[in-house]
N, C-alpha and C. Protein backbone atom coordinates (compact mmCIF):
# COMPACT_ATOMS: atom_id res chain seq x y z
N MET A 1 87.78 68.34 124.30
CA MET A 1 88.56 69.22 123.45
C MET A 1 89.52 68.39 122.61
N ALA A 2 89.78 68.87 121.41
CA ALA A 2 90.71 68.22 120.51
C ALA A 2 91.84 69.19 120.16
N ASN A 3 93.01 68.68 119.94
CA ASN A 3 94.14 69.49 119.51
C ASN A 3 94.24 69.45 118.00
N MET A 4 94.72 70.55 117.41
CA MET A 4 94.91 70.63 115.97
C MET A 4 96.26 71.28 115.73
N ASN A 5 97.06 70.68 114.87
CA ASN A 5 98.35 71.25 114.49
C ASN A 5 98.26 71.71 113.04
N ILE A 6 98.69 72.93 112.78
CA ILE A 6 98.70 73.45 111.42
C ILE A 6 100.06 74.08 111.14
N ARG A 7 100.44 74.08 109.87
CA ARG A 7 101.68 74.72 109.45
C ARG A 7 101.32 76.03 108.76
N MET A 8 102.10 77.08 109.05
CA MET A 8 101.87 78.36 108.40
C MET A 8 103.17 79.13 108.34
N ASP A 9 103.20 80.11 107.49
CA ASP A 9 104.34 80.99 107.34
C ASP A 9 104.58 81.74 108.65
N ASP A 10 105.85 81.81 109.08
CA ASP A 10 106.17 82.48 110.34
C ASP A 10 105.72 83.93 110.37
N THR A 11 105.93 84.64 109.26
CA THR A 11 105.56 86.06 109.21
C THR A 11 104.06 86.24 109.37
N ILE A 12 103.28 85.42 108.65
CA ILE A 12 101.81 85.50 108.76
C ILE A 12 101.37 85.19 110.19
N LYS A 13 101.99 84.19 110.79
CA LYS A 13 101.64 83.83 112.17
C LYS A 13 101.87 85.00 113.12
N LYS A 14 103.03 85.63 113.00
CA LYS A 14 103.33 86.77 113.88
C LYS A 14 102.36 87.93 113.65
N GLN A 15 102.07 88.22 112.38
CA GLN A 15 101.14 89.31 112.07
C GLN A 15 99.74 88.99 112.61
N ALA A 16 99.32 87.73 112.45
CA ALA A 16 97.99 87.33 112.94
C ALA A 16 97.94 87.42 114.46
N GLU A 17 99.00 86.97 115.12
CA GLU A 17 99.02 87.05 116.59
C GLU A 17 98.93 88.49 117.07
N GLU A 18 99.63 89.40 116.40
CA GLU A 18 99.56 90.83 116.76
C GLU A 18 98.15 91.38 116.55
N LEU A 19 97.55 91.05 115.40
CA LEU A 19 96.19 91.50 115.11
C LEU A 19 95.21 90.99 116.16
N PHE A 20 95.25 89.69 116.42
CA PHE A 20 94.30 89.11 117.36
C PHE A 20 94.52 89.64 118.78
N ALA A 21 95.77 89.88 119.15
CA ALA A 21 96.05 90.46 120.47
C ALA A 21 95.41 91.85 120.57
N ASP A 22 95.53 92.63 119.49
CA ASP A 22 94.90 93.95 119.48
C ASP A 22 93.39 93.85 119.60
N LEU A 23 92.83 92.74 119.11
CA LEU A 23 91.38 92.52 119.18
C LEU A 23 90.98 91.83 120.48
N GLY A 24 91.96 91.56 121.35
CA GLY A 24 91.66 90.97 122.66
C GLY A 24 91.49 89.47 122.66
N MET A 25 92.13 88.80 121.72
CA MET A 25 92.02 87.34 121.69
C MET A 25 93.34 86.73 121.27
N ASN A 26 93.45 85.42 121.45
CA ASN A 26 94.64 84.71 120.99
C ASN A 26 94.32 83.96 119.69
N MET A 27 95.33 83.31 119.15
CA MET A 27 95.16 82.59 117.89
C MET A 27 94.10 81.49 118.00
N THR A 28 94.10 80.77 119.10
CA THR A 28 93.12 79.68 119.29
C THR A 28 91.70 80.21 119.23
N THR A 29 91.45 81.31 119.94
CA THR A 29 90.11 81.90 119.94
C THR A 29 89.72 82.36 118.54
N ALA A 30 90.65 83.02 117.83
CA ALA A 30 90.37 83.50 116.47
C ALA A 30 90.04 82.35 115.53
N ILE A 31 90.82 81.28 115.61
CA ILE A 31 90.56 80.12 114.74
C ILE A 31 89.23 79.48 115.08
N ASN A 32 88.92 79.38 116.37
CA ASN A 32 87.62 78.82 116.78
C ASN A 32 86.46 79.68 116.28
N ILE A 33 86.61 81.00 116.33
CA ILE A 33 85.57 81.88 115.80
C ILE A 33 85.37 81.61 114.31
N PHE A 34 86.48 81.54 113.57
CA PHE A 34 86.40 81.25 112.13
C PHE A 34 85.68 79.93 111.89
N LEU A 35 86.08 78.87 112.59
CA LEU A 35 85.49 77.54 112.36
C LEU A 35 84.00 77.52 112.72
N LYS A 36 83.63 78.14 113.84
CA LYS A 36 82.22 78.17 114.24
C LYS A 36 81.38 78.92 113.21
N GLN A 37 81.91 80.04 112.71
CA GLN A 37 81.19 80.81 111.70
C GLN A 37 81.05 79.99 110.41
N ALA A 38 82.10 79.30 110.00
CA ALA A 38 82.06 78.47 108.79
C ALA A 38 81.00 77.38 108.92
N VAL A 39 80.97 76.72 110.07
CA VAL A 39 79.97 75.67 110.30
C VAL A 39 78.57 76.26 110.34
N ARG A 40 78.40 77.40 111.01
CA ARG A 40 77.09 78.04 111.12
C ARG A 40 76.54 78.42 109.75
N GLU A 41 77.42 78.99 108.88
CA GLU A 41 76.99 79.46 107.57
C GLU A 41 77.09 78.38 106.49
N ASN A 42 77.73 77.26 106.85
CA ASN A 42 77.94 76.16 105.91
C ASN A 42 78.74 76.60 104.69
N LYS A 43 79.72 77.49 104.93
CA LYS A 43 80.60 78.00 103.87
C LYS A 43 81.76 78.73 104.52
N ILE A 44 82.74 79.08 103.70
CA ILE A 44 83.80 79.96 104.18
C ILE A 44 83.14 81.31 104.47
N PRO A 45 83.34 81.89 105.65
CA PRO A 45 82.57 83.08 106.03
C PRO A 45 83.08 84.40 105.45
N PHE A 46 83.73 84.36 104.34
CA PHE A 46 84.14 85.56 103.62
C PHE A 46 84.37 85.18 102.17
N GLU A 47 84.40 86.20 101.33
CA GLU A 47 84.57 85.95 99.90
C GLU A 47 86.02 85.56 99.61
N ILE A 48 86.18 84.52 98.83
CA ILE A 48 87.49 84.12 98.35
C ILE A 48 87.44 84.23 96.83
N SER A 49 88.36 85.00 96.28
CA SER A 49 88.36 85.17 94.84
C SER A 49 89.77 85.35 94.34
N ARG A 50 89.95 85.16 93.07
CA ARG A 50 91.23 85.42 92.47
C ARG A 50 91.44 86.93 92.41
N ASN A 51 92.68 87.33 92.46
CA ASN A 51 93.00 88.75 92.39
C ASN A 51 93.09 89.14 90.92
N ILE A 52 91.93 89.39 90.32
CA ILE A 52 91.87 89.75 88.90
C ILE A 52 91.76 91.26 88.80
N PRO A 53 92.70 91.88 88.09
CA PRO A 53 92.65 93.35 87.98
C PRO A 53 91.42 93.83 87.22
N ASN A 54 90.94 95.02 87.58
CA ASN A 54 89.79 95.59 86.86
C ASN A 54 90.26 96.16 85.52
N GLN A 55 89.32 96.64 84.74
CA GLN A 55 89.63 97.10 83.38
C GLN A 55 90.61 98.27 83.37
N THR A 56 90.50 99.17 84.31
CA THR A 56 91.42 100.30 84.38
C THR A 56 92.85 99.82 84.59
N THR A 57 93.02 98.87 85.51
CA THR A 57 94.34 98.33 85.77
C THR A 57 94.88 97.56 84.57
N LEU A 58 94.02 96.76 83.94
CA LEU A 58 94.44 96.03 82.74
C LEU A 58 94.89 96.99 81.65
N SER A 59 94.16 98.09 81.47
CA SER A 59 94.54 99.09 80.47
C SER A 59 95.89 99.71 80.80
N ALA A 60 96.14 99.94 82.08
CA ALA A 60 97.44 100.50 82.49
C ALA A 60 98.56 99.51 82.20
N PHE A 61 98.32 98.21 82.42
CA PHE A 61 99.32 97.20 82.09
C PHE A 61 99.65 97.22 80.61
N ILE A 62 98.61 97.28 79.79
CA ILE A 62 98.80 97.29 78.33
C ILE A 62 99.58 98.53 77.91
N GLU A 63 99.20 99.68 78.47
CA GLU A 63 99.89 100.92 78.14
C GLU A 63 101.35 100.86 78.60
N GLY A 64 101.60 100.31 79.76
CA GLY A 64 102.96 100.17 80.26
C GLY A 64 103.81 99.29 79.37
N ASP A 65 103.23 98.17 78.91
CA ASP A 65 103.95 97.29 77.99
C ASP A 65 104.26 98.01 76.68
N LYS A 66 103.30 98.77 76.19
CA LYS A 66 103.52 99.50 74.94
C LYS A 66 104.67 100.50 75.11
N ILE A 67 104.65 101.23 76.20
CA ILE A 67 105.70 102.22 76.46
C ILE A 67 107.06 101.52 76.61
N ALA A 68 107.05 100.38 77.28
CA ALA A 68 108.31 99.68 77.53
C ALA A 68 108.90 99.03 76.29
N TYR A 69 108.04 98.55 75.39
CA TYR A 69 108.55 97.73 74.28
C TYR A 69 108.37 98.32 72.89
N ASP A 70 107.67 99.42 72.76
CA ASP A 70 107.46 100.03 71.45
C ASP A 70 108.61 101.00 71.16
N PRO A 71 109.45 100.68 70.17
CA PRO A 71 110.62 101.53 69.91
C PRO A 71 110.25 102.91 69.36
N THR A 72 109.01 103.11 68.94
CA THR A 72 108.61 104.41 68.41
C THR A 72 108.24 105.39 69.51
N ILE A 73 108.11 104.92 70.72
CA ILE A 73 107.75 105.78 71.85
C ILE A 73 109.03 106.25 72.53
N LYS A 74 109.16 107.57 72.67
CA LYS A 74 110.36 108.14 73.28
C LYS A 74 110.39 107.81 74.77
N GLY A 75 111.55 107.40 75.23
CA GLY A 75 111.73 107.09 76.63
C GLY A 75 112.83 107.95 77.22
N TYR A 76 113.00 107.88 78.52
CA TYR A 76 114.00 108.67 79.23
C TYR A 76 114.81 107.73 80.11
N HIS A 77 116.11 107.95 80.15
CA HIS A 77 117.00 107.08 80.90
C HIS A 77 117.37 107.62 82.27
N ASP A 78 117.00 108.88 82.53
CA ASP A 78 117.29 109.46 83.84
C ASP A 78 116.29 110.59 84.11
N MET A 79 116.22 110.98 85.37
CA MET A 79 115.26 112.01 85.79
C MET A 79 115.56 113.38 85.18
N ASP A 80 116.83 113.69 84.98
CA ASP A 80 117.17 114.99 84.40
C ASP A 80 116.61 115.13 82.99
N SER A 81 116.72 114.06 82.19
CA SER A 81 116.18 114.09 80.83
C SER A 81 114.66 114.24 80.85
N LEU A 82 114.02 113.54 81.76
CA LEU A 82 112.57 113.63 81.88
C LEU A 82 112.15 115.04 82.31
N ARG A 83 112.81 115.59 83.31
CA ARG A 83 112.47 116.94 83.77
C ARG A 83 112.64 117.96 82.65
N LYS A 84 113.73 117.81 81.89
CA LYS A 84 113.98 118.73 80.79
C LYS A 84 112.86 118.64 79.75
N ALA A 85 112.42 117.42 79.44
CA ALA A 85 111.34 117.23 78.47
C ALA A 85 110.04 117.81 78.98
N LEU A 86 109.82 117.74 80.29
CA LEU A 86 108.59 118.27 80.89
C LEU A 86 108.72 119.74 81.24
N GLU A 87 109.88 120.28 81.06
CA GLU A 87 110.17 121.69 81.37
C GLU A 87 109.90 122.00 82.84
N ILE A 88 110.38 121.16 83.69
CA ILE A 88 110.20 121.36 85.16
C ILE A 88 111.46 121.97 85.72
C-alpha cells in the first residue's frame, strides 16, 4: 500500500465525507473507486466540460444587460412602483 497526500478545500472535504458516509464508504474508498475506474476506462470516468450557458441563458443575459443599461427602457426603483405599473 502507498500513502497519498492531497490538498483540498475544507468545505468540499466535509461535503464529500458526508456524501460518502451516506453511501457507506469513507474518503479513501471513494478515491480508490475513482482511481480504479479511471485506470480501467483509461480516462476520467465522467464528463468534464466548461460551464457554457445554452442559447436560452445567453439570450437572457443579453436581455438583462439591455434592461440594465439601455436608458430608453423604463425601470423601477422599488417594489411599490413595479406593483403599481403591473396593477397588482
